[in-house]
Amino acid sequence: MKKILCGTARLPVVAVIMAAVTLAMVAIISITPAFSRPAELTSDAALLDGYRHVEVASVSDAMEKVIGQRMYLSHRMQPIFTSKFAGFALTVKLKKEENHDPHALDGMLSAIDQGAPNSVYVMVVEDGADIAGMGGLMGTAMLARNFSGAVIDGGVRDTAYLKKIGFPVFALGNVPSTSVGHYRFDGANVPVTCDGVLVNAGDVVVADSDGVAIVPRTKAAEVLVTAQDMDFKEHSMYAYIEKLKSIEEAVKKFGRL
């Protein structure tokens, strides 16, 4: 009887030890950077999920490191409200042309209605800083089709409504003008130069408070892994800097600035 009681008494102790070991293993796993490997990023969903969790500044830096190119849009491209998104480029071009053709912009609308979920509508309006490339109606259609956002090399209008429905747009500015009667559709899912950067249909477009960056689809997995590593190092540096009160020591340790 005594042996049985002793054995029973040991059970809670064993359970406590096992629980402590489990918690330790969880802690170790949780602080390990969850970097993806290029081979693991085989699906569109995995790729976009990765880009939605890294900072655009890290993506921009990774682009320069991986392919030696600057692929970010200029300071002129501003959000209508603070937002963060990632998706695949659906490109549209408009060319200047005074007209009375009611079908001049049909292709622009068709591109939206045929767009896939997770698209980012990248529109280039020729000489269009003071022309609204899109507004509330187009934004509503994009939201209904689960677009990630829009980037307009031109103006945007109906911004109060776009904010109300929560559809994120980056553009050169807010203007009340229309493209109807002044522009003609000039192609969809074709290469465009948006704010000085080449964008091909299907490229990854990432945006946050720091701006917008474009990642060629063929390099997207490799760039993401590098950006994730840069993000991890930078976020690790904040506490290190606060503790040592030295940015020089942090840069020496992590090699990130």
C-alpha atoms as a PDB file:
ATOM      1  CA  MET A   1       0.000   0.000   0.000  1.00  0.00           C
ATOM      2  CA  LYS A   2       2.822   2.373   0.844  1.00  0.00           C
ATOM      3  CA  LYS A   3       4.516   1.677  -2.487  1.00  0.00           C
ATOM      4  CA  ILE A   4       1.334   2.467  -4.346  1.00  0.00           C
ATOM      5  CA  LEU A   5       0.927   5.809  -2.575  1.00  0.00           C
ATOM      6  CA  CYS A   6       4.538   6.761  -3.270  1.00  0.00           C
ATOM      7  CA  GLY A   7       4.105   5.940  -6.932  1.00  0.00           C
ATOM      8  CA  THR A   8       0.937   8.002  -7.058  1.00  0.00           C
ATOM      9  CA  ALA A   9       2.651  10.948  -5.394  1.00  0.00           C
ATOM     10  CA  ARG A  10       5.323  10.978  -8.051  1.00  0.00           C
ATOM     11  CA  LEU A  11       2.777  11.450 -10.881  1.00  0.00           C
ATOM     12  CA  PRO A  12       2.149  15.194 -10.301  1.00  0.00           C
ATOM     13  CA  VAL A  13       5.901  15.758 -10.171  1.00  0.00           C
ATOM     14  CA  VAL A  14       6.385  13.984 -13.503  1.00  0.00           C
ATOM     15  CA  ALA A  15       3.524  15.981 -15.003  1.00  0.00           C
ATOM     16  CA  VAL A  16       5.079  19.250 -13.848  1.00  0.00           C
ATOM     17  CA  ILE A  17       8.460  18.289 -15.328  1.00  0.00           C
ATOM     18  CA  MET A  18       6.873  17.309 -18.652  1.00  0.00           C
ATOM     19  CA  ALA A  19       4.925  20.594 -18.758  1.00  0.00           C
ATOM     20  CA  ALA A  20       8.101  22.589 -18.087  1.00  0.00           C
ATOM     21  CA  VAL A  21       9.946  20.769 -20.884  1.00  0.00           C
ATOM     22  CA  THR A  22       7.068  21.439 -23.271  1.00  0.00           C
ATOM     23  CA  LEU A  23       7.001  25.147 -22.399  1.00  0.00           C
ATOM     24  CA  ALA A  24      10.751  25.389 -22.894  1.00  0.00           C
ATOM     25  CA  MET A  25      10.471  23.816 -26.331  1.00  0.00           C
ATOM     26  CA  VAL A  26       7.667  26.197 -27.271  1.00  0.00           C
ATOM     27  CA  ALA A  27       9.747  29.173 -26.112  1.00  0.00           C
ATOM     28  CA  ILE A  28      12.706  28.061 -28.199  1.00  0.00           C
ATOM     29  CA  ILE A  29      10.525  27.634 -31.269  1.00  0.00           C
ATOM     30  CA  SER A  30       8.830  31.006 -30.746  1.00  0.00           C
ATOM     31  CA  ILE A  31      12.051  32.981 -30.774  1.00  0.00           C
ATOM     32  CA  THR A  32      13.433  31.257 -33.816  1.00  0.00           C
ATOM     33  CA  PRO A  33      12.944  33.480 -36.885  1.00  0.00           C
ATOM     34  CA  ALA A  34      10.316  31.869 -39.093  1.00  0.00           C
ATOM     35  CA  PHE A  35      12.054  32.543 -42.386  1.00  0.00           C
ATOM     36  CA  SER A  36      10.648  30.927 -45.470  1.00  0.00           C
ATOM     37  CA  ARG A  37      12.905  29.263 -47.972  1.00  0.00           C
ATOM     38  CA  PRO A  38      12.396  30.011 -51.672  1.00  0.00           C
ATOM     39  CA  ALA A  39      11.501  26.376 -52.326  1.00  0.00           C
ATOM     40  CA  GLU A  40       8.710  26.590 -49.733  1.00  0.00           C
ATOM     41  CA  LEU A  41       7.064  29.603 -51.380  1.00  0.00           C
ATOM     42  CA  THR A  42       5.461  27.603 -54.138  1.00  0.00           C
ATOM     43  CA  SER A  43       1.929  28.985 -53.812  1.00  0.00           C
ATOM     44  CA  ASP A  44       0.601  32.495 -54.414  1.00  0.00           C
ATOM     45  CA  ALA A  45      -1.037  32.444 -50.972  1.00  0.00           C
ATOM     46  CA  ALA A  46       2.233  31.647 -49.188  1.00  0.00           C
ATOM     47  CA  LEU A  47       4.085  34.318 -51.133  1.00  0.00           C
ATOM     48  CA  LEU A  48       1.559  37.060 -50.394  1.00  0.00           C
ATOM     49  CA  ASP A  49       1.237  36.049 -46.757  1.00  0.00           C
ATOM     50  CA  GLY A  50       4.988  36.508 -46.431  1.00  0.00           C
ATOM     51  CA  TYR A  51       4.961  39.919 -48.083  1.00  0.00           C
ATOM     52  CA  ARG A  52       2.066  41.082 -45.933  1.00  0.00           C
ATOM     53  CA  HIS A  53       4.196  40.540 -42.843  1.00  0.00           C
ATOM     54  CA  VAL A  54       7.395  42.344 -43.853  1.00  0.00           C
ATOM     55  CA  GLU A  55       8.067  46.055 -44.060  1.00  0.00           C
ATOM     56  CA  VAL A  56       8.316  47.734 -47.451  1.00  0.00           C
ATOM     57  CA  ALA A  57      11.624  49.298 -46.395  1.00  0.00           C
ATOM     58  CA  SER A  58      13.061  45.799 -45.947  1.00  0.00           C
ATOM     59  CA  VAL A  59      11.650  44.733 -49.318  1.00  0.00           C
ATOM     60  CA  SER A  60      13.260  47.750 -50.970  1.00  0.00           C
ATOM     61  CA  ASP A  61      16.621  46.998 -49.328  1.00  0.00           C
ATOM     62  CA  ALA A  62      16.329  43.331 -50.279  1.00  0.00           C
ATOM     63  CA  MET A  63      15.693  44.275 -53.907  1.00  0.00           C
ATOM     64  CA  GLU A  64      18.933  46.245 -54.013  1.00  0.00           C
ATOM     65  CA  LYS A  65      20.820  43.366 -52.388  1.00  0.00           C
ATOM     66  CA  VAL A  66      19.372  40.561 -54.527  1.00  0.00           C
ATOM     67  CA  ILE A  67      19.113  42.134 -57.978  1.00  0.00           C
ATOM     68  CA  GLY A  68      20.934  45.434 -57.614  1.00  0.00           C
ATOM     69  CA  GLN A  69      17.958  47.597 -58.588  1.00  0.00           C
ATOM     70  CA  ARG A  70      15.907  50.274 -56.933  1.00  0.00           C
ATOM     71  CA  MET A  71      12.265  49.332 -57.437  1.00  0.00           C
ATOM     72  CA  TYR A  72      10.403  51.704 -55.127  1.00  0.00           C
ATOM     73  CA  LEU A  73       8.061  54.511 -56.127  1.00  0.00           C
ATOM     74  CA  SER A  74       8.943  58.089 -55.259  1.00  0.00           C
ATOM     75  CA  HIS A  75       7.754  60.238 -52.360  1.00  0.00           C
ATOM     76  CA  ARG A  76       5.056  61.620 -54.668  1.00  0.00           C
ATOM     77  CA  MET A  77       3.058  58.399 -54.321  1.00  0.00           C
ATOM     78  CA  GLN A  78       0.965  58.880 -51.192  1.00  0.00           C
ATOM     79  CA  PRO A  79      -1.789  56.830 -49.490  1.00  0.00           C
ATOM     80  CA  ILE A  80      -5.264  58.276 -49.038  1.00  0.00           C
ATOM     81  CA  PHE A  81      -5.165  56.707 -45.551  1.00  0.00           C
ATOM     82  CA  THR A  82      -2.620  54.675 -43.597  1.00  0.00           C
ATOM     83  CA  SER A  83      -2.663  51.179 -45.010  1.00  0.00           C
ATOM     84  CA  LYS A  84      -0.595  48.074 -45.685  1.00  0.00           C
ATOM     85  CA  PHE A  85      -1.174  45.579 -48.484  1.00  0.00           C
ATOM     86  CA  ALA A  86       0.440  43.192 -50.939  1.00  0.00           C
ATOM     87  CA  GLY A  87      -0.835  41.665 -54.146  1.00  0.00           C
ATOM     88  CA  PHE A  88      -0.165  40.904 -57.791  1.00  0.00           C
ATOM     89  CA  ALA A  89      -0.079  43.749 -60.312  1.00  0.00           C
ATOM     90  CA  LEU A  90      -2.967  44.193 -62.709  1.00  0.00           C
ATOM     91  CA  THR A  91      -1.694  46.946 -64.992  1.00  0.00           C
ATOM     92  CA  VAL A  92      -3.767  49.470 -66.956  1.00  0.00           C
ATOM     93  CA  LYS A  93      -2.694  52.334 -69.237  1.00  0.00           C
ATOM     94  CA  LEU A  94      -4.658  55.428 -70.240  1.00  0.00           C
ATOM     95  CA  LYS A  95      -3.481  57.764 -73.009  1.00  0.00           C
ATOM     96  CA  LYS A  96      -4.464  61.382 -73.458  1.00  0.00           C
ATOM     97  CA  GLU A  97      -7.018  61.887 -76.208  1.00  0.00           C
ATOM     98  CA  GLU A  98      -9.907  64.322 -76.340  1.00  0.00           C
ATOM     99  CA  ASN A  99     -12.914  62.357 -77.536  1.00  0.00           C
ATOM    100  CA  HIS A 100     -16.676  61.942 -77.524  1.00  0.00           C
ATOM    101  CA  ASP A 101     -16.492  58.165 -77.621  1.00  0.00           C
ATOM    102  CA  PRO A 102     -18.687  56.587 -74.901  1.00  0.00           C
ATOM    103  CA  HIS A 103     -16.611  53.413 -75.167  1.00  0.00           C
ATOM    104  CA  ALA A 104     -13.188  55.024 -74.881  1.00  0.00           C
ATOM    105  CA  LEU A 105     -12.655  53.652 -71.363  1.00  0.00           C
ATOM    106  CA  ASP A 106     -14.506  50.343 -71.645  1.00  0.00           C
ATOM    107  CA  GLY A 107     -11.259  48.382 -71.451  1.00  0.00           C
ATOM    108  CA  MET A 108     -10.420  50.012 -68.124  1.00  0.00           C
ATOM    109  CA  LEU A 109     -13.687  48.791 -66.617  1.00  0.00           C
ATOM    110  CA  SER A 110     -13.363  45.350 -68.180  1.00  0.00           C
ATOM    111  CA  ALA A 111      -9.927  44.942 -66.615  1.00  0.00           C
ATOM    112  CA  ILE A 112     -11.463  45.446 -63.166  1.00  0.00           C
ATOM    113  CA  ASP A 113     -14.365  43.062 -63.795  1.00  0.00           C
ATOM    114  CA  GLN A 114     -11.941  40.379 -64.983  1.00  0.00           C
ATOM    115  CA  GLY A 115      -9.431  40.957 -62.203  1.00  0.00           C
ATOM    116  CA  ALA A 116      -8.620  38.165 -59.787  1.00  0.00           C
ATOM    117  CA  PRO A 117      -8.668  38.349 -55.977  1.00  0.00           C
ATOM    118  CA  ASN A 118      -5.431  39.724 -54.481  1.00  0.00           C
ATOM    119  CA  SER A 119      -4.862  41.965 -57.515  1.00  0.00           C
ATOM    120  CA  VAL A 120      -3.330  45.406 -57.079  1.00  0.00           C
ATOM    121  CA  TYR A 121      -4.701  47.781 -59.691  1.00  0.00           C
ATOM    122  CA  VAL A 122      -1.668  49.620 -61.096  1.00  0.00           C
ATOM    123  CA  MET A 123      -2.829  52.417 -63.400  1.00  0.00           C
ATOM    124  CA  VAL A 124      -0.674  54.822 -65.385  1.00  0.00           C
ATOM    125  CA  VAL A 125      -2.502  57.947 -66.549  1.00  0.00           C
ATOM    126  CA  GLU A 126      -0.456  59.767 -69.175  1.00  0.00           C
ATOM    127  CA  ASP A 127       0.449  63.219 -67.846  1.00  0.00           C
ATOM    128  CA  GLY A 128      -2.247  62.589 -65.260  1.00  0.00           C
ATOM    129  CA  ALA A 129      -1.166  64.224 -62.004  1.00  0.00           C
ATOM    130  CA  ASP A 130      -4.291  66.393 -62.148  1.00  0.00           C
ATOM    131  CA  ILE A 131      -6.617  63.748 -63.562  1.00  0.00           C
ATOM    132  CA  ALA A 132      -8.459  61.275 -61.334  1.00  0.00           C
ATOM    133  CA  GLY A 133      -7.614  57.819 -62.599  1.00  0.00           C
ATOM    134  CA  MET A 134     -10.155  56.255 -60.258  1.00  0.00           C
ATOM    135  CA  GLY A 135     -12.789  57.094 -57.686  1.00  0.00           C
ATOM    136  CA  GLY A 136     -15.437  55.560 -55.497  1.00  0.00           C
ATOM    137  CA  LEU A 137     -17.227  53.490 -58.146  1.00  0.00           C
ATOM    138  CA  MET A 138     -14.080  51.752 -59.347  1.00  0.00           C
ATOM    139  CA  GLY A 139     -12.898  51.315 -55.779  1.00  0.00           C
ATOM    140  CA  THR A 140     -16.179  49.671 -54.824  1.00  0.00           C
ATOM    141  CA  ALA A 141     -15.852  47.225 -57.724  1.00  0.00           C
ATOM    142  CA  MET A 142     -12.264  46.400 -56.748  1.00  0.00           C
ATOM    143  CA  LEU A 143     -13.246  45.843 -53.126  1.00  0.00           C
ATOM    144  CA  ALA A 144     -16.139  43.587 -54.183  1.00  0.00           C
ATOM    145  CA  ARG A 145     -13.685  41.515 -56.225  1.00  0.00           C
ATOM    146  CA  ASN A 146     -11.255  41.287 -53.278  1.00  0.00           C
ATOM    147  CA  PHE A 147      -8.474  43.378 -54.792  1.00  0.00           C
ATOM    148  CA  SER A 148      -5.689  44.152 -52.319  1.00  0.00           C
ATOM    149  CA  GLY A 149      -5.461  47.835 -53.260  1.00  0.00           C
ATOM    150  CA  ALA A 150      -4.648  50.286 -56.036  1.00  0.00           C
ATOM    151  CA  VAL A 151      -1.613  52.323 -57.090  1.00  0.00           C
ATOM    152  CA  ILE A 152      -2.391  55.193 -59.446  1.00  0.00           C
ATOM    153  CA  ASP A 153       0.250  57.138 -61.354  1.00  0.00           C
ATOM    154  CA  GLY A 154      -2.253  59.941 -61.548  1.00  0.00           C
ATOM    155  CA  GLY A 155      -4.865  61.427 -59.251  1.00  0.00           C
ATOM    156  CA  VAL A 156      -7.710  59.930 -57.240  1.00  0.00           C
ATOM    157  CA  ARG A 157     -11.106  61.290 -56.216  1.00  0.00           C
ATOM    158  CA  ASP A 158     -14.001  60.300 -53.938  1.00  0.00           C
ATOM    159  CA  THR A 159     -11.421  59.777 -51.231  1.00  0.00           C
ATOM    160  CA  ALA A 160     -13.924  60.238 -48.391  1.00  0.00           C
ATOM    161  CA  TYR A 161     -15.950  57.329 -49.724  1.00  0.00           C
ATOM    162  CA  LEU A 162     -12.876  55.185 -50.378  1.00  0.00           C
ATOM    163  CA  LYS A 163     -11.835  55.760 -46.765  1.00  0.00           C
ATOM    164  CA  LYS A 164     -15.337  54.875 -45.605  1.00  0.00           C
ATOM    165  CA  ILE A 165     -15.292  51.497 -47.356  1.00  0.00           C
ATOM    166  CA  GLY A 166     -11.651  50.940 -46.383  1.00  0.00           C
ATOM    167  CA  PHE A 167     -10.219  50.439 -49.857  1.00  0.00           C
ATOM    168  CA  PRO A 168      -6.516  51.429 -49.875  1.00  0.00           C
ATOM    169  CA  VAL A 169      -5.199  53.617 -52.688  1.00  0.00           C
ATOM    170  CA  PHE A 170      -1.824  55.217 -53.314  1.00  0.00           C
ATOM    171  CA  ALA A 171      -1.868  58.088 -55.829  1.00  0.00           C
ATOM    172  CA  LEU A 172      -0.116  61.314 -56.760  1.00  0.00           C
ATOM    173  CA  GLY A 173      -2.814  63.417 -55.125  1.00  0.00           C
ATOM    174  CA  ASN A 174      -6.502  64.116 -54.619  1.00  0.00           C
ATOM    175  CA  VAL A 175      -8.233  65.837 -57.543  1.00  0.00           C
ATOM    176  CA  PRO A 176     -11.928  66.235 -58.486  1.00  0.00           C
ATOM    177  CA  SER A 177     -11.387  65.867 -62.257  1.00  0.00           C
ATOM    178  CA  THR A 178     -12.522  63.083 -64.607  1.00  0.00           C
ATOM    179  CA  SER A 179     -10.772  61.103 -67.317  1.00  0.00           C
ATOM    180  CA  VAL A 180     -14.016  60.707 -69.276  1.00  0.00           C
ATOM    181  CA  GLY A 181     -13.795  62.554 -72.597  1.00  0.00           C
ATOM    182  CA  HIS A 182     -10.091  63.255 -72.122  1.00  0.00           C
ATOM    183  CA  TYR A 183      -8.499  59.796 -72.145  1.00  0.00           C
ATOM    184  CA  ARG A 184      -8.663  56.481 -73.944  1.00  0.00           C
ATOM    185  CA  PHE A 185      -7.894  52.994 -72.693  1.00  0.00           C
ATOM    186  CA  ASP A 186      -4.459  51.910 -73.978  1.00  0.00           C
ATOM    187  CA  GLY A 187      -4.015  48.385 -72.648  1.00  0.00           C
ATOM    188  CA  ALA A 188      -4.338  46.057 -69.675  1.00  0.00           C
ATOM    189  CA  ASN A 189      -1.862  43.563 -68.247  1.00  0.00           C
ATOM    190  CA  VAL A 190       0.892  45.129 -70.317  1.00  0.00           C
ATOM    191  CA  PRO A 191       4.245  46.489 -69.090  1.00  0.00           C
ATOM    192  CA  VAL A 192       3.873  50.013 -67.691  1.00  0.00           C
ATOM    193  CA  THR A 193       6.219  52.546 -66.159  1.00  0.00           C
ATOM    194  CA  CYS A 194       4.578  53.652 -62.924  1.00  0.00           C
ATOM    195  CA  ASP A 195       6.202  56.686 -61.303  1.00  0.00           C
ATOM    196  CA  GLY A 196       9.449  55.775 -63.044  1.00  0.00           C
ATOM    197  CA  VAL A 197       9.441  52.052 -62.163  1.00  0.00           C
ATOM    198  CA  LEU A 198       8.754  49.234 -64.627  1.00  0.00           C
ATOM    199  CA  VAL A 199       5.796  47.093 -63.601  1.00  0.00           C
ATOM    200  CA  ASN A 200       4.749  43.902 -65.363  1.00  0.00           C
ATOM    201  CA  ALA A 201       1.450  42.135 -64.873  1.00  0.00           C
ATOM    202  CA  GLY A 202       1.808  39.645 -62.030  1.00  0.00           C
ATOM    203  CA  ASP A 203       4.679  41.437 -60.289  1.00  0.00           C
ATOM    204  CA  VAL A 204       4.339  41.670 -56.517  1.00  0.00           C
ATOM    205  CA  VAL A 205       3.270  45.115 -55.285  1.00  0.00           C
ATOM    206  CA  VAL A 206       3.807  45.905 -51.601  1.00  0.00           C
ATOM    207  CA  ALA A 207       2.753  49.067 -49.804  1.00  0.00           C
ATOM    208  CA  ASP A 208       2.772  50.485 -46.289  1.00  0.00           C
ATOM    209  CA  SER A 209       3.399  53.770 -44.488  1.00  0.00           C
ATOM    210  CA  ASP A 210       6.883  54.013 -46.020  1.00  0.00           C
ATOM    211  CA  GLY A 211       5.651  53.811 -49.613  1.00  0.00           C
ATOM    212  CA  VAL A 212       5.346  51.322 -52.473  1.00  0.00           C
ATOM    213  CA  ALA A 213       7.825  48.789 -53.856  1.00  0.00           C
ATOM    214  CA  ILE A 214       7.609  46.516 -56.891  1.00  0.00           C
ATOM    215  CA  VAL A 215       9.135  43.020 -56.942  1.00  0.00           C
ATOM    216  CA  PRO A 216       9.524  41.151 -60.257  1.00  0.00           C
ATOM    217  CA  ARG A 217       7.573  37.912 -59.986  1.00  0.00           C
ATOM    218  CA  THR A 218      10.584  35.802 -60.982  1.00  0.00           C
ATOM    219  CA  LYS A 219      12.572  37.134 -58.006  1.00  0.00           C
ATOM    220  CA  ALA A 220       9.728  37.394 -55.511  1.00  0.00           C
ATOM    221  CA  ALA A 221      10.542  34.304 -53.419  1.00  0.00           C
ATOM    222  CA  GLU A 222      14.250  35.106 -53.131  1.00  0.00           C
ATOM    223  CA  VAL A 223      13.612  38.759 -52.292  1.00  0.00           C
ATOM    224  CA  LEU A 224      11.067  37.789 -49.633  1.00  0.00           C
ATOM    225  CA  VAL A 225      13.508  35.516 -47.781  1.00  0.00           C
ATOM    226  CA  THR A 226      16.105  38.300 -47.738  1.00  0.00           C
ATOM    227  CA  ALA A 227      13.531  40.873 -46.591  1.00  0.00           C
ATOM    228  CA  GLN A 228      12.368  38.587 -43.773  1.00  0.00           C
ATOM    229  CA  ASP A 229      15.944  38.222 -42.569  1.00  0.00           C
ATOM    230  CA  MET A 230      16.419  42.002 -42.652  1.00  0.00           C
ATOM    231  CA  ASP A 231      13.160  42.535 -40.775  1.00  0.00           C
ATOM    232  CA  PHE A 232      14.149  40.064 -38.047  1.00  0.00           C
ATOM    233  CA  LYS A 233      17.541  41.665 -37.556  1.00  0.00           C
ATOM    234  CA  GLU A 234      16.135  45.184 -37.409  1.00  0.00           C
ATOM    235  CA  HIS A 235      13.389  44.305 -34.955  1.00  0.00           C
ATOM    236  CA  SER A 236      15.923  42.493 -32.776  1.00  0.00           C
ATOM    237  CA  MET A 237      18.115  45.589 -32.704  1.00  0.00           C
ATOM    238  CA  TYR A 238      15.630  47.905 -30.989  1.00  0.00           C
ATOM    239  CA  ALA A 239      15.905  46.278 -27.542  1.00  0.00           C
ATOM    240  CA  TYR A 240      19.662  45.834 -28.007  1.00  0.00           C
ATOM    241  CA  ILE A 241      20.092  49.559 -28.718  1.00  0.00           C
ATOM    242  CA  GLU A 242      17.934  50.512 -25.729  1.00  0.00           C
ATOM    243  CA  LYS A 243      19.931  48.230 -23.451  1.00  0.00           C
ATOM    244  CA  LEU A 244      23.417  49.307 -24.558  1.00  0.00           C
ATOM    245  CA  LYS A 245      22.420  52.855 -25.531  1.00  0.00           C
ATOM    246  CA  SER A 246      24.573  52.396 -28.629  1.00  0.00           C
ATOM    247  CA  ILE A 247      23.536  52.059 -32.254  1.00  0.00           C
ATOM    248  CA  GLU A 248      27.145  51.396 -33.271  1.00  0.00           C
ATOM    249  CA  GLU A 249      27.305  48.231 -31.167  1.00  0.00           C
ATOM    250  CA  ALA A 250      23.974  47.050 -32.541  1.00  0.00           C
ATOM    251  CA  VAL A 251      25.074  47.524 -36.139  1.00  0.00           C
ATOM    252  CA  LYS A 252      28.298  45.648 -35.417  1.00  0.00           C
ATOM    253  CA  LYS A 253      26.373  42.725 -33.955  1.00  0.00           C
ATOM    254  CA  PHE A 254      23.558  42.465 -36.467  1.00  0.00           C
ATOM    255  CA  GLY A 255      25.037  44.032 -39.602  1.00  0.00           C
ATOM    256  CA  ARG A 256      21.822  45.896 -40.390  1.00  0.00           C
ATOM    257  CA  LEU A 257      21.138  49.619 -40.753  1.00  0.00           C
END
